[in-house]
Amino acid sequence: MEILESKEQKLFARNLICVGIDRCENGDFCGRIWEPYDDQPFEFTGINDMVIHMDDLYDEWNYPQRALNERSFLRTHESTRTNIIRDDGFVEKIDRLQKMRGEIGTFIVQVKFRQHATWQGVVVWAEENKRGNFRSAMELVHLIDHAISKGLLIK
């Protein structure tokens, strides 16, 4: 795991997600997720809820693609909405996304790969303009937790 490093940071990718942490309840974070293709945020009530929703979005977009497919005994011809990732006003959507803020912390997340049954990517802590790489969803959660608790954003 890489510690968040400070320098001018701005991510630009079709699958950016903005995670706004609004509060901590019983040791778990609650907040909102903004994505470029929906104007309304998704409210999550725990880190598990956040990670599951993000993974569902990546499945819906089919980007980044899973390295491992889910298996089932039932035959389904499930279609994904790959055409949701398009160029219509994309620059404005990303700019809007990067301006969103959580009440106690904001993290811009780019998952580059979904390999080895987990995620690899980059996270930027928006308030402090610090960037870190993660090799798993657990590392991402740890970076967020470390930034908020060590950054003294939670009283």
Protein backbone atom coordinates (compact mmCIF):
# COMPACT_ATOMS: atom_id res chain seq x y z
CA MET A 1 0.00 0.00 0.00
CA GLU A 2 1.21 3.46 -0.85
CA ILE A 3 0.82 6.39 1.52
CA LEU A 4 -0.97 9.37 0.01
CA GLU A 5 1.56 11.79 -1.46
CA SER A 6 1.02 15.50 -2.00
CA LYS A 7 1.26 17.32 -5.33
CA GLU A 8 -1.16 18.89 -7.81
CA GLN A 9 -3.67 16.15 -8.55
CA LYS A 10 -6.51 15.84 -11.04
CA LEU A 11 -7.84 12.63 -12.50
CA PHE A 12 -9.65 12.40 -15.82
CA ALA A 13 -11.23 9.09 -16.78
CA ARG A 14 -14.58 7.75 -17.93
CA ASN A 15 -15.08 5.72 -14.77
CA LEU A 16 -14.25 8.32 -12.11
CA ILE A 17 -16.27 8.13 -8.94
CA CYS A 18 -16.37 10.77 -6.23
CA VAL A 19 -16.81 9.41 -2.70
CA GLY A 20 -17.96 11.97 -0.15
CA ILE A 21 -17.70 10.91 3.48
CA ASP A 22 -20.31 12.78 5.51
CA ARG A 23 -20.16 11.16 8.95
CA CYS A 24 -18.87 8.27 10.99
CA GLU A 25 -21.46 6.09 12.75
CA ASN A 26 -20.41 3.23 15.01
CA GLY A 27 -16.94 3.18 13.46
CA ASP A 28 -18.25 3.00 9.87
CA PHE A 29 -18.35 5.75 7.26
CA CYS A 30 -21.57 7.03 5.71
CA GLY A 31 -21.77 9.37 2.76
CA ARG A 32 -22.51 9.80 -0.91
CA ILE A 33 -21.17 8.57 -4.24
CA TRP A 34 -21.30 10.77 -7.31
CA GLU A 35 -20.66 9.42 -10.80
CA PRO A 36 -20.51 11.21 -14.15
CA TYR A 37 -23.61 9.61 -15.65
CA ASP A 38 -26.18 10.39 -12.95
CA ASP A 39 -26.90 13.79 -11.42
CA GLN A 40 -28.21 12.29 -8.18
CA PRO A 41 -25.77 10.89 -5.61
CA PHE A 42 -26.09 7.40 -4.17
CA GLU A 43 -26.20 7.50 -0.37
CA PHE A 44 -24.32 4.70 1.36
CA THR A 45 -24.59 3.67 4.98
CA GLY A 46 -21.30 1.85 5.41
CA ILE A 47 -18.10 0.98 3.60
CA ASN A 48 -19.51 -2.37 2.44
CA ASP A 49 -22.48 -0.58 0.88
CA MET A 50 -20.08 1.84 -0.85
CA VAL A 51 -17.84 -0.90 -2.30
CA ILE A 52 -20.79 -3.02 -3.49
CA HIS A 53 -22.41 -0.03 -5.20
CA MET A 54 -19.16 0.94 -6.91
CA ASP A 55 -18.65 -2.63 -8.14
CA ASP A 56 -22.23 -2.67 -9.46
CA LEU A 57 -21.54 0.55 -11.37
CA TYR A 58 -18.44 -0.96 -12.98
CA ASP A 59 -20.51 -4.00 -13.98
CA GLU A 60 -23.22 -1.73 -15.40
CA TRP A 61 -20.66 0.24 -17.40
CA ASN A 62 -18.70 -2.91 -18.23
CA TYR A 63 -15.62 -0.83 -17.46
CA PRO A 64 -13.20 -1.73 -16.14
CA GLN A 65 -14.14 -5.25 -17.10
CA ARG A 66 -13.99 -8.06 -14.58
CA ALA A 67 -11.07 -10.43 -14.96
CA LEU A 68 -13.25 -13.13 -13.40
CA ASN A 69 -16.84 -13.66 -14.47
CA GLU A 70 -19.58 -14.64 -12.09
CA ARG A 71 -20.69 -18.22 -12.57
CA SER A 72 -24.23 -19.53 -12.55
CA PHE A 73 -26.08 -22.70 -13.38
CA LEU A 74 -28.86 -20.65 -14.90
CA ARG A 75 -28.49 -19.36 -18.42
CA THR A 76 -29.03 -15.66 -18.59
CA HIS A 77 -28.31 -13.29 -21.39
CA GLU A 78 -27.78 -10.26 -19.26
CA SER A 79 -26.87 -7.14 -21.14
CA THR A 80 -24.84 -4.29 -19.75
CA ARG A 81 -25.34 -0.67 -20.55
CA THR A 82 -21.96 -0.10 -22.16
CA ASN A 83 -23.33 2.80 -24.18
CA ILE A 84 -23.74 4.78 -20.95
CA ILE A 85 -20.06 5.73 -21.19
CA ARG A 86 -20.13 8.32 -23.92
CA ASP A 87 -18.59 11.67 -24.82
CA ASP A 88 -21.71 13.88 -24.53
CA GLY A 89 -20.52 16.76 -22.34
CA PHE A 90 -17.98 14.49 -20.69
CA VAL A 91 -15.49 17.21 -19.72
CA GLU A 92 -18.24 19.16 -17.95
CA LYS A 93 -19.43 16.01 -16.17
CA ILE A 94 -15.94 15.27 -14.83
CA ASP A 95 -15.46 18.90 -13.75
CA ARG A 96 -18.80 18.77 -11.90
CA LEU A 97 -17.85 15.47 -10.30
CA GLN A 98 -14.52 16.80 -9.03
CA LYS A 99 -16.24 19.78 -7.36
CA MET A 100 -18.51 17.64 -5.18
CA ARG A 101 -17.58 17.47 -1.50
CA GLY A 102 -18.37 15.28 1.46
CA GLU A 103 -18.85 16.87 4.87
CA ILE A 104 -15.67 15.38 6.39
CA GLY A 105 -13.72 14.08 3.39
CA THR A 106 -13.82 13.65 -0.39
CA PHE A 107 -12.01 11.06 -2.49
CA ILE A 108 -11.86 10.87 -6.29
CA VAL A 109 -11.44 7.21 -7.24
CA GLN A 110 -10.30 5.73 -10.53
CA VAL A 111 -10.36 1.95 -10.64
CA LYS A 112 -8.07 1.03 -13.55
CA PHE A 113 -8.32 -2.76 -13.35
CA ARG A 114 -10.46 -5.39 -11.71
CA GLN A 115 -8.05 -8.30 -11.56
CA HIS A 116 -7.39 -11.05 -9.02
CA ALA A 117 -10.98 -10.65 -7.77
CA THR A 118 -10.34 -7.09 -6.55
CA TRP A 119 -9.52 -3.55 -7.72
CA GLN A 120 -6.36 -1.68 -8.65
CA GLY A 121 -6.29 2.07 -9.18
CA VAL A 122 -5.69 5.60 -7.95
CA VAL A 123 -7.37 7.73 -5.29
CA VAL A 124 -7.05 11.48 -4.73
CA TRP A 125 -7.95 12.99 -1.37
CA ALA A 126 -9.56 16.19 -2.71
CA GLU A 127 -9.29 18.43 0.35
CA GLU A 128 -5.57 17.81 0.82
CA ASN A 129 -4.73 17.25 -2.87
CA LYS A 130 -2.92 14.01 -2.05
CA ARG A 131 -2.76 10.96 -4.28
CA GLY A 132 -2.24 7.28 -3.59
CA ASN A 133 -2.32 4.00 -5.48
CA PHE A 134 -4.18 0.94 -4.27
CA ARG A 135 -3.91 -2.73 -5.23
CA SER A 136 -7.17 -3.90 -3.70
CA ALA A 137 -10.53 -2.61 -2.54
CA MET A 138 -9.30 -3.21 1.01
CA GLU A 139 -6.30 -0.92 0.42
CA LEU A 140 -8.64 1.76 -0.95
CA VAL A 141 -10.76 1.52 2.20
CA HIS A 142 -7.61 1.66 4.34
CA LEU A 143 -6.36 4.78 2.51
CA ILE A 144 -9.72 6.50 3.03
CA ASP A 145 -9.80 5.50 6.69
CA HIS A 146 -6.18 6.58 7.22
CA ALA A 147 -6.73 9.94 5.51
CA ILE A 148 -9.81 10.77 7.54
CA SER A 149 -8.70 9.48 10.94
CA LYS A 150 -5.04 10.54 10.69
CA GLY A 151 -5.99 13.73 8.89
CA LEU A 152 -7.95 14.60 12.03
CA LEU A 153 -11.12 15.20 10.06
CA ILE A 154 -13.13 13.21 12.59
CA LYS A 155 -13.36 14.78 16.02
